[in-house]
């Protein structure tokens, strides 16, 4: 039994432990270094690192899953002790998606382009506000969708200068409204006055 009877085994001493197969290939490495923390690395049959479990010197835990080239593609860790996160990277080591759970319980999802630039943010706040923001390649918000706790919903479109040029929405009773603005943000067109049936 692999784990049974461990009380009768002598303690292992030293800063590292390596498990090898009959051919001398490393399959697992456990390393503990003062000031650097502890890491357990599991390898595949080709000796490539595929799974890492780490605890930093500050006590922060991290799990990393690597592809066959040894690049960490999935990372589970903490942004701080109260904010867990999951990060996904592409084959070029660019962060493409990140999910956070904020201390008050609000989840945040970030989707990024091939350069690692935020293009979509999705949030569900503990206050009841839910929203989606779409950014252009210059990190400017261009489309904002929101739903408030009092059942009001809205969608807003902004130009490259961040000015909201068109917005449409429904109030808490379902009445529609629409508003178009000029480049200075001044109202120019409103075919459905707010509160109209």
N, C-alpha and C. Protein backbone atom coordinates (compact mmCIF):
# COMPACT_ATOMS: atom_id res chain seq x y z
N UNK A 1 0.86 -1.19 0.00
CA UNK A 1 0.00 0.00 0.00
C UNK A 1 0.89 1.23 0.00
N UNK A 2 0.64 2.15 -0.95
CA UNK A 2 1.52 3.28 -1.13
C UNK A 2 1.53 4.23 0.05
N UNK A 3 0.34 4.57 0.56
CA UNK A 3 0.27 5.55 1.64
C UNK A 3 0.07 4.91 3.00
N UNK A 4 -0.23 3.62 3.04
CA UNK A 4 -0.47 2.96 4.32
C UNK A 4 0.82 2.71 5.06
N UNK A 5 0.76 2.74 6.37
CA UNK A 5 1.92 2.43 7.19
C UNK A 5 3.03 3.45 7.15
N UNK A 6 2.74 4.67 6.78
CA UNK A 6 3.80 5.68 6.67
C UNK A 6 4.40 6.03 8.03
N UNK A 7 3.69 5.72 9.09
CA UNK A 7 4.22 6.03 10.42
C UNK A 7 5.48 5.22 10.71
N UNK A 8 5.67 4.07 10.03
CA UNK A 8 6.83 3.22 10.27
C UNK A 8 8.01 3.58 9.39
N UNK A 9 7.81 4.53 8.44
CA UNK A 9 8.89 4.90 7.54
C UNK A 9 9.76 5.99 8.16
N UNK A 10 11.05 5.95 7.89
CA UNK A 10 11.90 7.02 8.41
C UNK A 10 11.61 8.32 7.68
N UNK A 11 11.84 9.45 8.37
CA UNK A 11 11.62 10.75 7.75
C UNK A 11 12.68 11.00 6.69
N UNK A 12 12.26 11.63 5.57
CA UNK A 12 13.20 11.98 4.52
C UNK A 12 13.82 13.33 4.83
N UNK A 13 15.12 13.40 4.74
CA UNK A 13 15.83 14.63 5.05
C UNK A 13 16.38 15.25 3.77
N UNK A 14 16.56 16.56 3.78
CA UNK A 14 17.13 17.24 2.63
C UNK A 14 16.16 18.22 2.03
N UNK A 15 16.62 18.97 1.03
CA UNK A 15 15.80 20.02 0.43
C UNK A 15 15.11 19.56 -0.84
N UNK A 16 15.36 18.34 -1.32
CA UNK A 16 14.70 17.87 -2.54
C UNK A 16 14.52 16.36 -2.53
N UNK A 17 13.52 15.93 -3.27
CA UNK A 17 13.21 14.51 -3.42
C UNK A 17 12.85 14.28 -4.88
N UNK A 18 13.47 13.28 -5.51
CA UNK A 18 13.22 12.97 -6.91
C UNK A 18 12.74 11.53 -7.04
N UNK A 19 11.65 11.33 -7.77
CA UNK A 19 11.15 9.98 -8.08
C UNK A 19 11.50 9.65 -9.51
N UNK A 20 12.15 8.50 -9.70
CA UNK A 20 12.57 8.07 -11.04
C UNK A 20 12.00 6.70 -11.34
N UNK A 21 11.85 6.41 -12.65
CA UNK A 21 11.43 5.07 -13.04
C UNK A 21 12.66 4.17 -13.17
N UNK A 22 12.42 2.93 -13.61
CA UNK A 22 13.52 1.98 -13.74
C UNK A 22 14.57 2.40 -14.74
N UNK A 23 14.21 3.27 -15.68
CA UNK A 23 15.16 3.73 -16.68
C UNK A 23 15.89 4.99 -16.27
N UNK A 24 15.65 5.46 -15.06
CA UNK A 24 16.33 6.65 -14.57
C UNK A 24 15.68 7.97 -14.94
N UNK A 25 14.47 7.92 -15.51
CA UNK A 25 13.78 9.17 -15.88
C UNK A 25 13.05 9.76 -14.69
N UNK A 26 13.15 11.08 -14.51
CA UNK A 26 12.47 11.77 -13.42
C UNK A 26 10.98 11.86 -13.73
N UNK A 27 10.17 11.47 -12.76
CA UNK A 27 8.72 11.61 -12.91
C UNK A 27 8.13 12.64 -11.96
N UNK A 28 8.78 12.86 -10.84
CA UNK A 28 8.29 13.84 -9.88
C UNK A 28 9.47 14.41 -9.10
N UNK A 29 9.37 15.70 -8.80
CA UNK A 29 10.40 16.37 -8.02
C UNK A 29 9.74 17.22 -6.96
N UNK A 30 10.19 17.06 -5.73
CA UNK A 30 9.72 17.89 -4.63
C UNK A 30 10.91 18.68 -4.12
N UNK A 31 10.79 20.00 -4.14
CA UNK A 31 11.89 20.87 -3.75
C UNK A 31 11.40 21.87 -2.72
N UNK A 32 12.17 22.03 -1.66
CA UNK A 32 11.89 23.05 -0.64
C UNK A 32 13.14 23.87 -0.45
N UNK A 33 13.03 25.16 -0.72
CA UNK A 33 14.18 26.05 -0.59
C UNK A 33 13.85 27.20 0.35
N UNK A 34 14.71 27.43 1.34
CA UNK A 34 14.48 28.56 2.26
C UNK A 34 14.37 29.87 1.48
N UNK A 35 13.31 30.62 1.76
CA UNK A 35 13.12 31.90 1.09
C UNK A 35 12.46 31.80 -0.27
N UNK A 36 12.29 30.57 -0.79
CA UNK A 36 11.68 30.42 -2.12
C UNK A 36 10.40 29.60 -2.08
N UNK A 37 10.13 28.90 -0.99
CA UNK A 37 8.92 28.11 -0.88
C UNK A 37 9.14 26.66 -1.28
N UNK A 38 8.05 25.98 -1.58
CA UNK A 38 8.06 24.55 -1.89
C UNK A 38 7.36 24.31 -3.21
N UNK A 39 7.89 23.37 -4.00
CA UNK A 39 7.27 23.06 -5.30
C UNK A 39 7.31 21.56 -5.56
N UNK A 40 6.18 21.04 -6.02
CA UNK A 40 6.09 19.65 -6.47
C UNK A 40 5.82 19.69 -7.97
N UNK A 41 6.68 19.04 -8.74
CA UNK A 41 6.55 19.03 -10.19
C UNK A 41 6.36 17.59 -10.66
N UNK A 42 5.31 17.36 -11.46
CA UNK A 42 5.04 16.05 -12.04
C UNK A 42 5.32 16.09 -13.53
N UNK A 43 6.00 15.06 -14.05
CA UNK A 43 6.40 15.02 -15.45
C UNK A 43 5.72 13.88 -16.18
N UNK A 44 5.66 13.98 -17.50
CA UNK A 44 5.08 12.90 -18.30
C UNK A 44 6.17 11.89 -18.66
N UNK A 45 5.81 10.92 -19.50
CA UNK A 45 6.75 9.87 -19.88
C UNK A 45 7.95 10.35 -20.65
N UNK A 46 7.87 11.58 -21.19
CA UNK A 46 8.99 12.15 -21.93
C UNK A 46 9.84 13.06 -21.04
N UNK A 47 9.50 13.11 -19.76
CA UNK A 47 10.27 13.95 -18.84
C UNK A 47 9.88 15.41 -18.84
N UNK A 48 8.76 15.74 -19.51
CA UNK A 48 8.32 17.13 -19.59
C UNK A 48 7.47 17.50 -18.39
N UNK A 49 7.73 18.66 -17.81
CA UNK A 49 6.93 19.15 -16.68
C UNK A 49 5.51 19.44 -17.16
N UNK A 50 4.51 18.82 -16.50
CA UNK A 50 3.11 19.02 -16.91
C UNK A 50 2.24 19.59 -15.80
N UNK A 51 2.60 19.34 -14.55
CA UNK A 51 1.80 19.82 -13.43
C UNK A 51 2.72 20.29 -12.32
N UNK A 52 2.45 21.49 -11.82
CA UNK A 52 3.24 22.03 -10.72
C UNK A 52 2.32 22.48 -9.60
N UNK A 53 2.68 22.11 -8.39
CA UNK A 53 2.00 22.58 -7.18
C UNK A 53 3.04 23.35 -6.39
N UNK A 54 2.76 24.63 -6.13
CA UNK A 54 3.76 25.46 -5.48
C UNK A 54 3.15 26.22 -4.31
N UNK A 55 3.97 26.43 -3.31
CA UNK A 55 3.62 27.32 -2.21
C UNK A 55 4.80 28.27 -2.05
N UNK A 56 4.57 29.55 -2.29
CA UNK A 56 5.64 30.53 -2.24
C UNK A 56 6.13 30.76 -0.82
N UNK A 57 7.23 31.48 -0.72
CA UNK A 57 7.80 31.79 0.59
C UNK A 57 6.81 32.56 1.46
N UNK A 58 5.90 33.30 0.82
CA UNK A 58 4.91 34.07 1.57
C UNK A 58 3.66 33.25 1.88
N UNK A 59 3.65 31.96 1.48
CA UNK A 59 2.51 31.09 1.76
C UNK A 59 1.46 31.05 0.68
N UNK A 60 1.67 31.77 -0.43
CA UNK A 60 0.69 31.81 -1.51
C UNK A 60 0.74 30.52 -2.34
N UNK A 61 -0.39 29.81 -2.47
CA UNK A 61 -0.40 28.58 -3.26
C UNK A 61 -0.66 28.85 -4.74
N UNK A 62 -0.18 27.93 -5.59
CA UNK A 62 -0.37 28.05 -7.03
C UNK A 62 -0.37 26.66 -7.65
N UNK A 63 -1.29 26.44 -8.58
CA UNK A 63 -1.33 25.21 -9.38
C UNK A 63 -1.16 25.62 -10.83
N UNK A 64 -0.23 24.98 -11.55
CA UNK A 64 0.00 25.30 -12.95
C UNK A 64 -0.03 24.03 -13.79
N UNK A 65 -0.77 24.09 -14.91
CA UNK A 65 -0.82 22.99 -15.87
C UNK A 65 -0.07 23.43 -17.12
N UNK A 66 0.87 22.61 -17.57
CA UNK A 66 1.71 22.97 -18.71
C UNK A 66 1.38 22.12 -19.92
N UNK A 67 1.62 22.69 -21.12
CA UNK A 67 1.43 21.92 -22.35
C UNK A 67 2.68 21.08 -22.61
N UNK A 68 2.70 20.38 -23.75
CA UNK A 68 3.81 19.48 -24.03
C UNK A 68 5.13 20.21 -24.29
N UNK A 69 5.05 21.52 -24.48
CA UNK A 69 6.28 22.31 -24.65
C UNK A 69 6.77 22.91 -23.34
N UNK A 70 6.06 22.60 -22.25
CA UNK A 70 6.48 23.10 -20.94
C UNK A 70 5.96 24.48 -20.61
N UNK A 71 5.08 25.03 -21.42
CA UNK A 71 4.52 26.35 -21.15
C UNK A 71 3.30 26.22 -20.24
N UNK A 72 3.27 27.03 -19.17
CA UNK A 72 2.11 27.03 -18.28
C UNK A 72 0.92 27.61 -19.02
N UNK A 73 -0.15 26.81 -19.19
CA UNK A 73 -1.33 27.26 -19.93
C UNK A 73 -2.50 27.57 -19.00
N UNK A 74 -2.57 26.88 -17.87
CA UNK A 74 -3.64 27.10 -16.90
C UNK A 74 -2.99 27.34 -15.54
N UNK A 75 -3.44 28.38 -14.87
CA UNK A 75 -2.88 28.71 -13.56
C UNK A 75 -4.02 29.02 -12.60
N UNK A 76 -3.99 28.36 -11.45
CA UNK A 76 -4.96 28.61 -10.38
C UNK A 76 -4.17 29.13 -9.19
N UNK A 77 -4.53 30.31 -8.73
CA UNK A 77 -3.76 30.92 -7.64
C UNK A 77 -4.64 31.94 -6.93
N UNK A 78 -3.99 32.74 -6.09
CA UNK A 78 -4.67 33.83 -5.40
C UNK A 78 -4.02 35.15 -5.80
N UNK A 79 -4.84 36.14 -6.14
CA UNK A 79 -4.33 37.49 -6.35
C UNK A 79 -3.88 38.06 -5.02
N UNK A 80 -4.66 37.79 -3.99
CA UNK A 80 -4.30 38.01 -2.60
C UNK A 80 -5.05 36.95 -1.81
N UNK A 81 -4.91 36.92 -0.52
CA UNK A 81 -5.49 35.82 0.26
C UNK A 81 -7.01 35.73 0.15
N UNK A 82 -7.67 36.81 -0.26
CA UNK A 82 -9.13 36.80 -0.34
C UNK A 82 -9.65 36.80 -1.77
N UNK A 83 -8.75 36.71 -2.78
CA UNK A 83 -9.18 36.82 -4.17
C UNK A 83 -8.60 35.68 -5.02
N UNK A 84 -9.32 34.55 -5.12
CA UNK A 84 -8.83 33.47 -5.98
C UNK A 84 -8.97 33.85 -7.45
N UNK A 85 -8.08 33.27 -8.29
CA UNK A 85 -8.13 33.57 -9.71
C UNK A 85 -7.72 32.36 -10.54
N UNK A 86 -8.22 32.34 -11.77
CA UNK A 86 -7.86 31.34 -12.76
C UNK A 86 -7.39 32.09 -14.00
N UNK A 87 -6.22 31.74 -14.52
CA UNK A 87 -5.65 32.40 -15.69
C UNK A 87 -5.44 31.36 -16.79
N UNK A 88 -5.83 31.71 -18.02
CA UNK A 88 -5.60 30.85 -19.19
C UNK A 88 -4.66 31.57 -20.15
N UNK A 89 -3.62 30.87 -20.60
CA UNK A 89 -2.66 31.45 -21.55
C UNK A 89 -2.65 30.63 -22.84
N UNK A 90 -2.33 31.30 -23.94
CA UNK A 90 -2.24 30.59 -25.21
C UNK A 90 -0.85 29.99 -25.40
N UNK A 91 -0.60 29.37 -26.55
CA UNK A 91 0.67 28.72 -26.80
C UNK A 91 1.85 29.66 -26.89
N UNK A 92 1.58 30.96 -26.98
CA UNK A 92 2.66 31.96 -27.02
C UNK A 92 2.88 32.62 -25.67
N UNK A 93 2.33 32.02 -24.61
CA UNK A 93 2.47 32.50 -23.24
C UNK A 93 1.78 33.85 -23.03
N UNK A 94 0.75 34.14 -23.82
CA UNK A 94 -0.02 35.38 -23.66
C UNK A 94 -1.29 35.09 -22.86
N UNK A 95 -1.54 35.87 -21.84
CA UNK A 95 -2.74 35.70 -21.04
C UNK A 95 -3.96 36.06 -21.88
N UNK A 96 -4.90 35.10 -22.02
CA UNK A 96 -6.07 35.32 -22.88
C UNK A 96 -7.37 35.41 -22.10
N UNK A 97 -7.42 34.85 -20.90
CA UNK A 97 -8.63 34.92 -20.09
C UNK A 97 -8.26 34.86 -18.62
N UNK A 98 -9.03 35.59 -17.80
CA UNK A 98 -8.79 35.59 -16.36
C UNK A 98 -10.12 35.70 -15.63
N UNK A 99 -10.30 34.85 -14.63
CA UNK A 99 -11.50 34.86 -13.81
C UNK A 99 -11.09 35.13 -12.37
N UNK A 100 -11.69 36.15 -11.77
CA UNK A 100 -11.43 36.51 -10.38
C UNK A 100 -12.72 36.40 -9.57
N UNK A 101 -12.57 36.08 -8.30
CA UNK A 101 -13.70 36.16 -7.38
C UNK A 101 -13.28 37.13 -6.28
N UNK A 102 -13.90 38.31 -6.29
CA UNK A 102 -13.51 39.37 -5.37
C UNK A 102 -13.92 39.01 -3.94
N UNK A 103 -13.28 39.63 -2.95
CA UNK A 103 -13.55 39.28 -1.55
C UNK A 103 -15.02 39.35 -1.15
N UNK A 104 -15.77 40.29 -1.72
CA UNK A 104 -17.19 40.40 -1.35
C UNK A 104 -18.07 39.43 -2.12
N UNK A 105 -17.46 38.61 -3.01
CA UNK A 105 -18.22 37.58 -3.72
C UNK A 105 -18.57 37.91 -5.15
N UNK A 106 -18.05 38.99 -5.70
CA UNK A 106 -18.35 39.39 -7.07
C UNK A 106 -17.40 38.73 -8.07
N UNK A 107 -17.91 37.95 -9.03
CA UNK A 107 -17.03 37.37 -10.05
C UNK A 107 -16.75 38.37 -11.17
N UNK A 108 -15.49 38.35 -11.66
CA UNK A 108 -15.08 39.20 -12.78
C UNK A 108 -14.41 38.31 -13.82
N UNK A 109 -14.81 38.45 -15.08
CA UNK A 109 -14.21 37.68 -16.16
C UNK A 109 -13.61 38.65 -17.18
N UNK A 110 -12.34 38.43 -17.53
CA UNK A 110 -11.64 39.25 -18.52
C UNK A 110 -11.27 38.36 -19.71
N UNK A 111 -11.61 38.80 -20.91
CA UNK A 111 -11.22 38.10 -22.14
C UNK A 111 -10.29 39.02 -22.92
N UNK A 112 -9.17 38.47 -23.41
CA UNK A 112 -8.14 39.30 -24.02
C UNK A 112 -7.80 38.83 -25.43
N UNK A 113 -7.23 39.74 -26.23
CA UNK A 113 -6.85 39.39 -27.59
C UNK A 113 -5.46 38.76 -27.62
N UNK A 114 -4.93 38.54 -28.82
CA UNK A 114 -3.65 37.85 -28.97
C UNK A 114 -2.47 38.65 -28.42
N UNK A 115 -2.69 39.94 -28.12
CA UNK A 115 -1.63 40.75 -27.52
C UNK A 115 -1.75 40.82 -26.00
N UNK A 116 -2.80 40.22 -25.46
CA UNK A 116 -3.03 40.28 -24.03
C UNK A 116 -3.80 41.51 -23.60
N UNK A 117 -4.39 42.23 -24.56
CA UNK A 117 -5.16 43.43 -24.26
C UNK A 117 -6.60 43.06 -23.91
N UNK A 118 -7.13 43.64 -22.83
CA UNK A 118 -8.52 43.38 -22.45
C UNK A 118 -9.47 43.81 -23.57
N UNK A 119 -10.33 42.89 -23.99
CA UNK A 119 -11.33 43.23 -25.01
C UNK A 119 -12.75 43.08 -24.49
N UNK A 120 -12.96 42.21 -23.51
CA UNK A 120 -14.29 42.01 -22.94
C UNK A 120 -14.16 41.85 -21.43
N UNK A 121 -15.01 42.55 -20.68
CA UNK A 121 -15.08 42.37 -19.24
C UNK A 121 -16.53 42.09 -18.86
N UNK A 122 -16.70 41.09 -18.02
CA UNK A 122 -18.04 40.68 -17.57
C UNK A 122 -18.02 40.65 -16.05
N UNK A 123 -19.02 41.29 -15.42
CA UNK A 123 -19.04 41.38 -13.97
C UNK A 123 -20.45 41.18 -13.44
N UNK A 124 -20.52 40.56 -12.27
CA UNK A 124 -21.78 40.45 -11.54
C UNK A 124 -21.48 40.89 -10.11
N UNK A 125 -21.80 42.16 -9.81
CA UNK A 125 -21.42 42.74 -8.53
C UNK A 125 -22.35 42.29 -7.41
N UNK A 126 -21.81 42.30 -6.20
CA UNK A 126 -22.60 41.91 -5.04
C UNK A 126 -23.78 42.85 -4.82
N UNK A 127 -23.71 44.06 -5.40
CA UNK A 127 -24.80 45.03 -5.27
C UNK A 127 -26.00 44.66 -6.14
N UNK A 128 -25.83 43.68 -7.05
CA UNK A 128 -26.91 43.31 -7.96
C UNK A 128 -26.74 43.85 -9.36
N UNK A 129 -25.75 44.73 -9.56
CA UNK A 129 -25.48 45.27 -10.89
C UNK A 129 -24.72 44.24 -11.72
N UNK A 130 -25.19 44.00 -12.94
CA UNK A 130 -24.52 43.09 -13.86
C UNK A 130 -24.16 43.88 -15.10
N UNK A 131 -22.96 43.62 -15.64
CA UNK A 131 -22.55 44.39 -16.79
C UNK A 131 -21.57 43.68 -17.69
N UNK A 132 -21.54 44.13 -18.94
CA UNK A 132 -20.63 43.64 -19.95
C UNK A 132 -20.04 44.85 -20.66
N UNK A 133 -18.72 44.88 -20.79
CA UNK A 133 -18.04 45.98 -21.48
C UNK A 133 -17.17 45.39 -22.58
N UNK A 134 -17.30 45.95 -23.80
CA UNK A 134 -16.47 45.53 -24.93
C UNK A 134 -15.54 46.68 -25.28
N UNK A 135 -14.23 46.38 -25.35
CA UNK A 135 -13.22 47.40 -25.62
C UNK A 135 -12.67 47.26 -27.03
N UNK A 136 -12.15 48.38 -27.58
CA UNK A 136 -11.46 48.29 -28.86
C UNK A 136 -9.99 47.94 -28.61
N UNK A 137 -9.19 47.89 -29.66
CA UNK A 137 -7.80 47.46 -29.48
C UNK A 137 -6.93 48.51 -28.81
N UNK A 138 -7.50 49.69 -28.53
CA UNK A 138 -6.79 50.73 -27.80
C UNK A 138 -7.25 50.83 -26.35
N UNK A 139 -7.94 49.79 -25.89
CA UNK A 139 -8.41 49.68 -24.51
C UNK A 139 -9.53 50.66 -24.17
N UNK A 140 -10.22 51.18 -25.21
CA UNK A 140 -11.31 52.12 -24.97
C UNK A 140 -12.64 51.38 -24.98
N UNK A 141 -13.52 51.63 -23.99
CA UNK A 141 -14.83 50.97 -23.98
C UNK A 141 -15.70 51.47 -25.13
N UNK A 142 -16.23 50.54 -25.92
CA UNK A 142 -17.04 50.92 -27.07
C UNK A 142 -18.50 50.48 -26.93
N UNK A 143 -18.75 49.44 -26.16
CA UNK A 143 -20.12 48.97 -25.96
C UNK A 143 -20.27 48.54 -24.51
N UNK A 144 -21.33 49.04 -23.85
CA UNK A 144 -21.57 48.73 -22.44
C UNK A 144 -23.01 48.25 -22.30
N UNK A 145 -23.16 47.07 -21.73
CA UNK A 145 -24.49 46.51 -21.47
C UNK A 145 -24.62 46.38 -19.96
N UNK A 146 -25.74 46.86 -19.40
CA UNK A 146 -25.90 46.80 -17.94
C UNK A 146 -27.33 46.46 -17.56
N UNK A 147 -27.44 45.84 -16.40
CA UNK A 147 -28.75 45.54 -15.81
C UNK A 147 -28.63 45.86 -14.32
N UNK A 148 -29.52 46.70 -13.82
CA UNK A 148 -29.45 47.15 -12.43
C UNK A 148 -30.38 46.33 -11.55
N UNK A 149 -30.19 46.39 -10.23
CA UNK A 149 -31.05 45.63 -9.32
C UNK A 149 -32.53 46.00 -9.43
N UNK A 150 -32.83 47.24 -9.84
CA UNK A 150 -34.23 47.65 -9.95
C UNK A 150 -34.80 47.37 -11.34
N UNK A 151 -34.19 46.41 -12.05
CA UNK A 151 -34.69 45.87 -13.32
C UNK A 151 -34.57 46.82 -14.51
N UNK A 152 -33.76 47.84 -14.38
CA UNK A 152 -33.49 48.69 -15.54
C UNK A 152 -32.34 48.08 -16.35
N UNK A 153 -32.49 48.08 -17.66
CA UNK A 153 -31.44 47.55 -18.54
C UNK A 153 -31.10 48.62 -19.57
N UNK A 154 -29.84 48.60 -20.02
CA UNK A 154 -29.41 49.60 -20.99
C UNK A 154 -28.25 49.07 -21.80
N UNK A 155 -28.13 49.58 -23.01
CA UNK A 155 -26.96 49.31 -23.84
C UNK A 155 -26.49 50.65 -24.39
N UNK A 156 -25.15 50.88 -24.31
CA UNK A 156 -24.58 52.15 -24.73
C UNK A 156 -23.44 51.90 -25.70
N UNK A 157 -23.36 52.71 -26.73
CA UNK A 157 -22.29 52.62 -27.72
C UNK A 157 -21.49 53.92 -27.68
N UNK A 158 -20.17 53.80 -27.55
CA UNK A 158 -19.31 54.97 -27.46
C UNK A 158 -18.41 55.05 -28.68
N UNK A 159 -17.98 56.28 -29.02
CA UNK A 159 -17.05 56.44 -30.13
C UNK A 159 -15.61 56.27 -29.65
N UNK A 160 -14.66 56.48 -30.54
CA UNK A 160 -13.25 56.27 -30.20
C UNK A 160 -12.74 57.23 -29.14
N UNK A 161 -13.48 58.31 -28.87
CA UNK A 161 -13.08 59.27 -27.84
C UNK A 161 -13.76 59.00 -26.51
N UNK A 162 -14.53 57.92 -26.44
CA UNK A 162 -15.20 57.58 -25.19
C UNK A 162 -16.53 58.27 -24.97
N UNK A 163 -17.02 59.01 -25.98
CA UNK A 163 -18.31 59.70 -25.86
C UNK A 163 -19.43 58.74 -26.25
N UNK A 164 -20.42 58.60 -25.38
CA UNK A 164 -21.56 57.74 -25.68
C UNK A 164 -22.40 58.42 -26.75
N UNK A 165 -22.52 57.76 -27.91
CA UNK A 165 -23.24 58.35 -29.03
C UNK A 165 -24.64 57.79 -29.21
N UNK A 166 -24.87 56.58 -28.73
CA UNK A 166 -26.20 55.97 -28.88
C UNK A 166 -26.45 55.10 -27.66
N UNK A 167 -27.65 55.24 -27.08
CA UNK A 167 -28.02 54.39 -25.96
C UNK A 167 -29.50 54.05 -26.04
N UNK A 168 -29.79 52.85 -25.62
CA UNK A 168 -31.17 52.38 -25.60
C UNK A 168 -31.37 51.60 -24.31
N UNK A 169 -32.59 51.65 -23.81
CA UNK A 169 -32.82 50.95 -22.55
C UNK A 169 -34.28 50.71 -22.26
N UNK A 170 -34.51 49.99 -21.17
CA UNK A 170 -35.85 49.73 -20.65
C UNK A 170 -35.84 50.09 -19.18
N UNK A 171 -36.87 50.81 -18.73
CA UNK A 171 -36.94 51.13 -17.31
C UNK A 171 -37.51 49.94 -16.54
N UNK A 172 -37.74 50.13 -15.22
CA UNK A 172 -38.17 49.01 -14.40
C UNK A 172 -39.56 48.51 -14.74
N UNK A 173 -40.32 49.29 -15.52
CA UNK A 173 -41.65 48.85 -15.94
C UNK A 173 -41.66 48.36 -17.38
N UNK A 174 -40.51 48.34 -18.01
CA UNK A 174 -40.41 47.84 -19.38
C UNK A 174 -40.59 48.89 -20.46
N UNK A 175 -40.70 50.16 -20.08
CA UNK A 175 -40.86 51.22 -21.08
C UNK A 175 -39.52 51.48 -21.76
N UNK A 176 -39.50 51.55 -23.11
CA UNK A 176 -38.24 51.74 -23.83
C UNK A 176 -37.86 53.22 -23.95
N UNK A 177 -36.58 53.45 -24.11
CA UNK A 177 -36.07 54.79 -24.39
C UNK A 177 -34.87 54.66 -25.32
N UNK A 178 -34.61 55.72 -26.08
CA UNK A 178 -33.48 55.74 -26.99
C UNK A 178 -32.96 57.16 -27.09
N UNK A 179 -31.63 57.29 -27.18
CA UNK A 179 -31.03 58.61 -27.23
C UNK A 179 -29.77 58.56 -28.09
N UNK A 180 -29.67 59.50 -29.04
CA UNK A 180 -28.46 59.65 -29.84
C UNK A 180 -27.83 60.99 -29.53
N UNK A 181 -26.50 61.04 -29.51
CA UNK A 181 -25.78 62.26 -29.16
C UNK A 181 -24.74 62.59 -30.21
N UNK A 182 -24.30 63.85 -30.21
CA UNK A 182 -23.24 64.24 -31.13
C UNK A 182 -21.87 63.97 -30.50
N UNK A 183 -20.82 64.38 -31.16
CA UNK A 183 -19.47 64.09 -30.69
C UNK A 183 -19.13 64.77 -29.38
N UNK A 184 -19.93 65.77 -28.99
CA UNK A 184 -19.72 66.46 -27.71
C UNK A 184 -20.59 65.88 -26.61
N UNK A 185 -21.38 64.86 -26.94
CA UNK A 185 -22.25 64.25 -25.95
C UNK A 185 -23.58 64.93 -25.78
N UNK A 186 -23.91 65.90 -26.70
CA UNK A 186 -25.18 66.61 -26.61
C UNK A 186 -26.28 65.82 -27.32
N UNK A 187 -27.44 65.78 -26.71
CA UNK A 187 -28.56 65.02 -27.27
C UNK A 187 -28.96 65.58 -28.63
N UNK A 188 -29.11 64.69 -29.62
CA UNK A 188 -29.49 65.11 -30.97
C UNK A 188 -30.75 64.42 -31.46
N UNK A 189 -31.07 63.27 -30.85
CA UNK A 189 -32.20 62.52 -31.38
C UNK A 189 -32.73 61.58 -30.33
N UNK A 190 -34.04 61.61 -30.10
CA UNK A 190 -34.65 60.73 -29.11
C UNK A 190 -36.03 60.37 -29.58
N UNK A 191 -36.17 59.34 -30.43
CA UNK A 191 -37.46 58.98 -30.98
C UNK A 191 -38.42 58.38 -29.97
N UNK A 192 -37.88 57.84 -28.87
CA UNK A 192 -38.73 57.24 -27.86
C UNK A 192 -38.46 57.95 -26.53
N UNK A 193 -39.24 58.95 -26.18
CA UNK A 193 -39.00 59.65 -24.92
C UNK A 193 -39.01 58.68 -23.75
N UNK A 194 -38.14 58.93 -22.80
CA UNK A 194 -38.06 58.06 -21.63
C UNK A 194 -39.43 57.95 -20.96
N UNK A 195 -39.84 56.72 -20.64
CA UNK A 195 -41.11 56.48 -19.99
C UNK A 195 -42.27 56.31 -20.92
N UNK A 196 -42.06 56.38 -22.25
CA UNK A 196 -43.18 56.20 -23.17
C UNK A 196 -43.58 54.74 -23.24
N UNK A 197 -44.85 54.45 -23.44
CA UNK A 197 -45.31 53.04 -23.47
C UNK A 197 -44.83 52.36 -24.75
